[in-house]
Amino acid sequence: MAKKLKIGIIGSGGIAQGCHMRGYASMPDLCEMVAVCDVNPDTAKQAAEKYDVGKTYTDFRELLKDKSIDAVSVATPNAYHVEPTVEALKAGKHVLCEKPLGMNAAECRRMCRAAKEADKILQVGLQNRFTGAARFMKAYIDAGSMGDIYYARAQALRRRGVPGWGVFIDKEKQGGGPLIDIGVHILDFTLYFMGYPKPVSAFGKTWNTLGKNPELFNSWGDYDRSKFTVEDFAVGMIKFENGATVTLESSFMANQASGENFKTQLYGTKSGAIVTPWGDKPVEIFTEANRQLLDVIPANIPHVESAHVDEVKAFVDAILHHKPSPVPGENGLILNAIFDAIYKSSETGHEEKVNAAV
């Protein structure tokens, strides 16, 4: 059997403890967390005690000096993804970096180049690819049952769902609002099914009309409206080199039906589908046979206990068995390059080119 991997955690708050560390802890025969790091020493201590990790740091550079560490998870706020990721790759560590990969395409480009130069795995934390719905749908598409997917409508919409904790409302540390926070998930979900075509251009618009209003209810608790510096709604139309088009809608606050609308609708030449990562009816297929229109609900979608755990398992498996990255850094670069173009388009009022070149 291969050696047990030694894992370090950079950024040990909620996403690290609830997702990354939980994933590593589920594989005690394959890996062992040996160090955690957080700029807040109390957070690092809490994470270490929760998962019985021996070493704690407040500076990720000190953690990276440990030559025994094979791989790290980077679960810091968005503004602090690039430096730990690049330095970890240069130090010879594989990296699982939370989404979005960077604040912008330029940061992602640095990370992808560092991974290539180091010949190490760079994986983006986009766990919805590992849901049962995604696994079923990808197999259905790969079997040719959808034909060519030429259009998709991707939605990540909340009615009153501003996350008031952390830095989600701070543009300087987050890079943007719902577009870069939850739009990244549904766009990756969509492009994964479409084979990640090369984006050419995007036209978009963002608004901040509700997020700053102190009179509006927020179902996720109150927050300081004066510090809300991100958009609360974004929409974009993305064109791809193969002729396909995707529209993307994303909101923290929108006057829509209650709850969260998180889905992608795929339009193919053989069939169409509505896919959500979770729920009682995650996949609906619309097709035709013998000149009869059929609405199909699959009956045996794979059961996945935790997509977050499974993304970590895929990372560990790729390292141990020398496989390609399960979610390549280049995919993260494409996503950020699209967001760059949408944000720029909102400012200029014009369609903007997408530069996703490494």
Protein backbone atom coordinates (compact mmCIF):
# COMPACT_ATOMS: atom_id res chain seq x y z
CA MET A 1 0.00 0.00 0.00
CA ALA A 2 1.11 3.55 -0.74
CA LYS A 3 2.26 5.69 2.17
CA LYS A 4 -0.29 7.59 4.19
CA LEU A 5 -0.52 11.18 2.94
CA LYS A 6 0.34 13.99 5.35
CA ILE A 7 -2.12 16.88 5.05
CA GLY A 8 -1.96 20.53 6.11
CA ILE A 9 -4.93 22.88 6.40
CA ILE A 10 -4.49 26.58 5.58
CA GLY A 11 -7.48 28.53 6.82
CA SER A 12 -9.28 26.49 9.47
CA GLY A 13 -12.68 28.17 9.83
CA GLY A 14 -16.13 26.88 8.97
CA ILE A 15 -15.56 25.57 5.44
CA ALA A 16 -12.35 23.85 6.53
CA GLN A 17 -13.82 22.21 9.64
CA GLY A 18 -17.18 21.31 8.13
CA CYS A 19 -15.99 20.11 4.73
CA HIS A 20 -12.25 19.70 4.07
CA MET A 21 -11.20 18.34 7.46
CA ARG A 22 -14.29 16.17 7.65
CA GLY A 23 -13.29 14.66 4.32
CA TYR A 24 -9.73 13.88 5.35
CA ALA A 25 -10.92 12.47 8.68
CA SER A 26 -13.11 9.99 6.79
CA MET A 27 -9.98 8.31 5.34
CA PRO A 28 -7.70 7.52 8.30
CA ASP A 29 -6.03 4.67 6.41
CA LEU A 30 -5.06 6.92 3.49
CA CYS A 31 -4.23 10.29 5.00
CA GLU A 32 -3.50 12.12 8.23
CA MET A 33 -3.92 15.80 9.03
CA VAL A 34 -0.71 16.91 10.74
CA ALA A 35 -1.02 20.71 10.86
CA VAL A 36 -3.59 23.49 10.72
CA CYS A 37 -3.06 27.19 10.15
CA ASP A 38 -5.22 30.24 10.70
CA VAL A 39 -4.45 33.90 11.26
CA ASN A 40 -6.73 33.61 14.30
CA PRO A 41 -4.89 31.33 16.76
CA ASP A 42 -8.12 30.47 18.57
CA THR A 43 -9.67 29.19 15.34
CA ALA A 44 -6.58 27.11 14.58
CA LYS A 45 -6.64 25.68 18.10
CA GLN A 46 -10.35 24.85 17.85
CA ALA A 47 -9.86 23.04 14.54
CA ALA A 48 -6.84 21.14 15.84
CA GLU A 49 -8.69 19.99 18.94
CA LYS A 50 -11.80 18.99 16.98
CA TYR A 51 -9.82 16.71 14.65
CA ASP A 52 -6.90 15.80 16.92
CA VAL A 53 -4.25 17.56 14.81
CA GLY A 54 -0.84 17.96 16.40
CA LYS A 55 0.51 21.28 15.07
CA THR A 56 -0.99 24.75 14.75
CA TYR A 57 0.34 27.82 12.96
CA THR A 58 -0.72 31.40 12.32
CA ASP A 59 1.57 31.83 9.28
CA PHE A 60 1.06 29.48 6.34
CA ARG A 61 4.71 29.87 5.35
CA GLU A 62 5.76 28.15 8.57
CA LEU A 63 3.40 25.26 7.84
CA LEU A 64 4.84 24.91 4.32
CA LYS A 65 8.34 24.48 5.74
CA ASP A 66 7.26 21.04 7.01
CA LYS A 67 8.74 18.75 4.34
CA SER A 68 6.63 15.81 5.52
CA ILE A 69 3.41 17.47 4.31
CA ASP A 70 2.34 16.13 0.92
CA ALA A 71 -0.76 18.22 0.29
CA VAL A 72 -2.75 21.14 1.66
CA SER A 73 -6.26 22.47 1.58
CA VAL A 74 -6.50 26.24 1.15
CA ALA A 75 -9.78 27.34 2.77
CA THR A 76 -9.08 31.01 3.40
CA PRO A 77 -11.20 33.97 2.23
CA ASN A 78 -10.98 34.53 -1.54
CA ALA A 79 -8.44 37.36 -1.29
CA TYR A 80 -6.02 34.98 0.39
CA HIS A 81 -6.15 32.03 -2.01
CA VAL A 82 -3.40 32.94 -4.43
CA GLU A 83 -0.33 33.34 -2.20
CA PRO A 84 -0.78 30.18 -0.07
CA THR A 85 -1.65 28.17 -3.18
CA VAL A 86 1.33 29.35 -5.23
CA GLU A 87 3.74 29.00 -2.31
CA ALA A 88 2.42 25.52 -1.48
CA LEU A 89 2.88 24.36 -5.08
CA LYS A 90 6.40 25.80 -5.14
CA ALA A 91 7.09 23.89 -1.91
CA GLY A 92 6.10 20.66 -3.65
CA LYS A 93 2.65 20.23 -2.13
CA HIS A 94 -0.53 19.27 -3.96
CA VAL A 95 -3.34 21.81 -3.39
CA LEU A 96 -7.10 21.62 -2.98
CA CYS A 97 -8.20 25.27 -3.08
CA GLU A 98 -11.70 26.42 -2.18
CA LYS A 99 -13.82 28.07 -4.84
CA PRO A 100 -13.54 30.46 -6.53
CA LEU A 101 -9.96 29.66 -7.39
CA GLY A 102 -9.01 33.34 -7.27
CA MET A 103 -10.30 36.89 -7.09
CA ASN A 104 -9.79 37.21 -10.85
CA ALA A 105 -8.32 35.41 -13.85
CA ALA A 106 -4.84 36.89 -13.32
CA GLU A 107 -4.56 35.21 -9.92
CA CYS A 108 -5.84 31.92 -11.32
CA ARG A 109 -3.29 32.11 -14.12
CA ARG A 110 -0.49 32.36 -11.55
CA MET A 111 -1.82 29.30 -9.71
CA CYS A 112 -2.21 27.20 -12.85
CA ARG A 113 1.30 28.06 -14.00
CA ALA A 114 2.72 27.22 -10.57
CA ALA A 115 0.96 23.83 -10.62
CA LYS A 116 2.33 23.04 -14.07
CA GLU A 117 5.85 24.07 -13.14
CA ALA A 118 5.74 22.01 -9.94
CA ASP A 119 4.00 19.06 -11.65
CA LYS A 120 1.52 18.93 -8.77
CA ILE A 121 -2.25 18.62 -8.58
CA LEU A 122 -4.26 21.82 -8.26
CA GLN A 123 -7.93 21.05 -7.58
CA VAL A 124 -10.72 23.62 -7.22
CA GLY A 125 -13.26 23.04 -4.43
CA LEU A 126 -16.40 22.66 -6.53
CA GLN A 127 -18.17 19.84 -4.73
CA ASN A 128 -21.41 19.78 -6.74
CA ARG A 129 -19.69 17.73 -9.44
CA PHE A 130 -19.61 14.90 -6.91
CA THR A 131 -23.34 14.80 -6.17
CA GLY A 132 -25.46 11.87 -7.28
CA ALA A 133 -27.33 14.10 -9.73
CA ALA A 134 -24.07 15.21 -11.38
CA ARG A 135 -22.78 11.66 -11.65
CA PHE A 136 -26.00 10.43 -13.23
CA MET A 137 -26.26 13.38 -15.62
CA LYS A 138 -22.63 13.22 -16.75
CA ALA A 139 -22.98 9.52 -17.57
CA TYR A 140 -26.25 10.21 -19.43
CA ILE A 141 -24.59 12.95 -21.47
CA ASP A 142 -21.40 10.97 -22.14
CA ALA A 143 -23.55 8.13 -23.51
CA GLY A 144 -24.80 10.55 -26.17
CA SER A 145 -28.36 10.73 -24.86
CA MET A 146 -28.47 14.55 -24.86
CA GLY A 147 -26.90 15.05 -28.26
CA ASP A 148 -25.14 18.42 -28.57
CA ILE A 149 -25.93 20.83 -25.73
CA TYR A 150 -26.17 24.20 -27.45
CA TYR A 151 -27.82 26.31 -24.75
CA ALA A 152 -28.15 26.33 -20.97
CA ARG A 153 -29.75 28.55 -18.37
CA ALA A 154 -27.91 28.47 -15.03
CA GLN A 155 -29.51 29.94 -11.92
CA ALA A 156 -28.23 30.44 -8.37
CA LEU A 157 -30.91 32.69 -6.90
CA ARG A 158 -31.80 33.53 -3.33
CA ARG A 159 -34.71 35.73 -2.30
CA ARG A 160 -33.25 37.01 0.96
CA GLY A 161 -30.04 35.06 1.52
CA VAL A 162 -27.14 37.38 2.26
CA PRO A 163 -24.47 35.57 4.32
CA GLY A 164 -23.74 38.15 7.00
CA TRP A 165 -20.80 36.30 8.56
CA GLY A 166 -17.23 36.16 7.26
CA VAL A 167 -16.32 38.45 4.35
CA PHE A 168 -19.10 37.62 1.88
CA ILE A 169 -20.29 41.25 1.70
CA ASP A 170 -16.77 42.75 1.42
CA LYS A 171 -15.67 43.20 -2.21
CA GLU A 172 -12.02 43.77 -1.30
CA LYS A 173 -11.75 40.38 0.39
CA GLN A 174 -14.37 38.44 -1.59
CA GLY A 175 -13.99 39.82 -5.11
CA GLY A 176 -17.72 40.08 -5.67
CA GLY A 177 -21.12 39.00 -4.44
CA PRO A 178 -23.42 36.17 -5.52
CA LEU A 179 -21.81 35.92 -8.96
CA ILE A 180 -18.45 34.83 -7.59
CA ASP A 181 -19.83 33.09 -4.48
CA ILE A 182 -22.73 30.91 -5.63
CA GLY A 183 -22.77 31.67 -9.35
CA VAL A 184 -19.41 29.91 -9.51
CA HIS A 185 -21.06 26.67 -8.35
CA ILE A 186 -23.93 26.63 -10.84
CA LEU A 187 -21.77 27.78 -13.75
CA ASP A 188 -19.22 25.03 -13.08
CA PHE A 189 -22.08 22.53 -12.72
CA THR A 190 -23.36 23.63 -16.13
CA LEU A 191 -20.05 23.79 -17.99
CA TYR A 192 -19.04 20.39 -16.58
CA PHE A 193 -22.04 18.87 -18.37
CA MET A 194 -21.23 20.79 -21.54
CA GLY A 195 -17.61 19.57 -21.63
CA TYR A 196 -16.15 22.93 -20.59
CA PRO A 197 -16.23 24.66 -24.01
CA LYS A 198 -13.88 27.58 -24.58
CA PRO A 199 -15.58 30.91 -23.70
CA VAL A 200 -15.24 33.76 -26.18
CA SER A 201 -17.19 36.71 -24.77
CA ALA A 202 -19.75 37.76 -22.18
CA PHE A 203 -22.31 40.49 -21.76
CA GLY A 204 -23.61 41.17 -18.27
CA LYS A 205 -25.11 43.47 -15.69
CA THR A 206 -24.85 43.65 -11.92
CA TRP A 207 -27.04 45.55 -9.45
CA ASN A 208 -26.82 46.64 -5.84
CA THR A 209 -30.38 47.79 -5.26
CA LEU A 210 -31.47 45.66 -2.30
CA GLY A 211 -28.36 44.63 -0.39
CA LYS A 212 -27.74 48.00 1.24
CA ASN A 213 -31.36 48.58 2.29
CA PRO A 214 -31.64 48.30 6.12
CA GLU A 215 -35.43 48.01 5.91
CA LEU A 216 -35.37 44.67 4.09
CA PHE A 217 -35.60 41.33 5.87
CA ASN A 218 -32.75 38.82 5.48
CA SER A 219 -33.53 35.18 6.21
CA TRP A 220 -29.92 34.47 7.19
CA GLY A 221 -29.83 37.09 9.93
CA ASP A 222 -29.02 40.76 9.97
CA TYR A 223 -25.76 42.32 8.81
CA ASP A 224 -24.23 45.79 8.60
CA ARG A 225 -25.81 47.25 5.46
CA SER A 226 -23.24 50.06 5.38
CA LYS A 227 -20.51 47.47 4.77
CA PHE A 228 -22.28 45.78 1.85
CA THR A 229 -19.94 46.53 -1.08
CA VAL A 230 -20.72 43.63 -3.45
CA GLU A 231 -23.52 43.22 -5.99
CA ASP A 232 -26.78 41.64 -4.81
CA PHE A 233 -27.85 40.47 -8.30
CA ALA A 234 -25.93 39.60 -11.46
CA VAL A 235 -26.84 38.30 -14.89
CA GLY A 236 -24.66 37.35 -17.83
CA MET A 237 -24.82 35.85 -21.29
CA ILE A 238 -21.73 33.86 -22.25
CA LYS A 239 -20.78 32.82 -25.79
CA PHE A 240 -18.51 29.87 -26.52
CA GLU A 241 -16.22 28.96 -29.40
CA ASN A 242 -18.33 25.93 -30.34
CA GLY A 243 -21.43 28.09 -30.82
CA ALA A 244 -23.05 27.26 -27.48
CA THR A 245 -24.47 29.97 -25.22
CA VAL A 246 -25.17 30.06 -21.48
CA THR A 247 -27.18 32.58 -19.51
CA LEU A 248 -26.28 32.91 -15.84
CA GLU A 249 -28.37 34.50 -13.09
CA SER A 250 -27.22 34.84 -9.51
CA SER A 251 -28.58 36.73 -6.49
CA PHE A 252 -28.31 37.13 -2.74
CA MET A 253 -31.48 39.23 -2.73
CA ALA A 254 -34.18 39.12 -5.40
CA ASN A 255 -37.93 39.49 -5.36
CA GLN A 256 -38.67 35.96 -6.53
CA ALA A 257 -40.42 32.90 -5.12
CA SER A 258 -39.25 32.03 -1.62
CA GLY A 259 -36.28 29.81 -0.96
CA GLU A 260 -33.30 29.15 -3.17
CA ASN A 261 -33.52 28.50 -6.90
CA PHE A 262 -30.37 26.56 -7.72
CA LYS A 263 -30.53 24.67 -11.00
CA THR A 264 -29.34 24.40 -14.57
CA GLN A 265 -31.57 23.82 -17.58
CA LEU A 266 -29.80 22.12 -20.48
CA TYR A 267 -31.01 22.18 -24.07
CA GLY A 268 -29.62 19.42 -26.30
CA THR A 269 -30.38 18.21 -29.81
CA LYS A 270 -31.70 14.85 -28.52
CA SER A 271 -33.14 15.84 -25.14
CA GLY A 272 -33.23 18.53 -22.51
CA ALA A 273 -32.94 18.42 -18.74
CA ILE A 274 -33.34 20.38 -15.53
CA VAL A 275 -30.69 19.41 -13.00
CA THR A 276 -30.18 20.47 -9.38
CA PRO A 277 -27.40 19.10 -7.17
CA TRP A 278 -29.85 18.04 -4.45
CA GLY A 279 -33.54 17.59 -3.60
CA ASP A 280 -36.27 14.99 -4.04
CA LYS A 281 -36.34 15.38 -7.83
CA PRO A 282 -32.83 16.46 -8.85
CA VAL A 283 -33.08 15.39 -12.50
CA GLU A 284 -35.90 15.85 -15.00
CA ILE A 285 -35.36 14.82 -18.63
CA PHE A 286 -37.42 15.99 -21.59
CA THR A 287 -37.14 13.91 -24.73
CA GLU A 288 -39.08 12.20 -27.53
CA ALA A 289 -39.56 8.62 -28.76
CA ASN A 290 -41.80 7.38 -31.56
CA ARG A 291 -43.15 10.92 -32.01
CA GLN A 292 -44.25 10.98 -28.38
CA LEU A 293 -42.99 13.67 -26.01
CA LEU A 294 -41.64 12.16 -22.78
CA ASP A 295 -40.94 13.75 -19.40
CA VAL A 296 -38.66 11.33 -17.54
CA ILE A 297 -37.77 11.18 -13.84
CA PRO A 298 -34.78 8.85 -13.25
CA ALA A 299 -35.44 6.29 -10.52
CA ASN A 300 -31.92 5.23 -9.51
CA ILE A 301 -29.75 8.32 -9.14
CA PRO A 302 -26.64 7.38 -7.11
CA HIS A 303 -26.82 8.17 -3.41
CA VAL A 304 -24.02 10.43 -2.16
CA GLU A 305 -23.79 11.03 1.58
CA SER A 306 -21.61 14.14 1.27
CA ALA A 307 -20.34 15.75 -1.92
CA HIS A 308 -17.84 17.74 0.18
CA VAL A 309 -16.36 14.52 1.57
CA ASP A 310 -16.30 12.93 -1.88
CA GLU A 311 -14.42 15.87 -3.43
CA VAL A 312 -11.70 15.41 -0.79
CA LYS A 313 -11.67 11.67 -1.44
CA ALA A 314 -11.18 12.37 -5.15
CA PHE A 315 -8.27 14.68 -4.34
CA VAL A 316 -6.55 12.07 -2.18
CA ASP A 317 -7.20 9.33 -4.74
CA ALA A 318 -5.70 11.44 -7.53
CA ILE A 319 -2.53 12.02 -5.51
CA LEU A 320 -2.10 8.40 -4.47
CA HIS A 321 -2.78 6.98 -7.93
CA HIS A 322 -1.14 9.72 -10.02
CA LYS A 323 -4.36 10.76 -11.72
CA PRO A 324 -5.16 14.17 -13.24
CA SER A 325 -6.83 16.77 -11.05
CA PRO A 326 -10.52 15.89 -10.52
CA VAL A 327 -11.40 19.59 -10.93
CA PRO A 328 -8.50 21.19 -12.83
CA GLY A 329 -7.24 24.63 -11.97
CA GLU A 330 -7.77 25.56 -15.62
CA ASN A 331 -11.53 25.15 -15.06
CA GLY A 332 -11.30 27.60 -12.18
CA LEU A 333 -9.44 30.00 -14.46
CA ILE A 334 -12.24 29.81 -17.05
CA LEU A 335 -14.86 30.60 -14.40
CA ASN A 336 -12.97 33.61 -13.07
CA ALA A 337 -12.24 34.87 -16.59
CA ILE A 338 -15.98 34.77 -17.34
CA PHE A 339 -16.75 36.68 -14.13
CA ASP A 340 -14.11 39.27 -15.03
CA ALA A 341 -15.84 39.82 -18.38
CA ILE A 342 -19.32 40.06 -16.81
CA TYR A 343 -18.17 42.57 -14.19
CA LYS A 344 -16.37 44.61 -16.86
CA SER A 345 -19.37 44.45 -19.19
CA SER A 346 -21.59 45.80 -16.41
CA GLU A 347 -19.29 48.81 -16.17
CA THR A 348 -18.84 49.46 -19.90
CA GLY A 349 -22.27 48.44 -21.15
CA HIS A 350 -20.62 46.42 -23.91
CA GLU A 351 -19.94 42.76 -24.63
CA GLU A 352 -16.44 41.92 -23.41
CA LYS A 353 -13.91 39.30 -24.46
CA VAL A 354 -13.12 36.41 -22.09
CA ASN A 355 -9.42 35.73 -21.67
CA ALA A 356 -9.05 32.28 -20.16
CA ALA A 357 -5.62 31.51 -21.57
CA VAL A 358 -3.07 30.12 -19.12
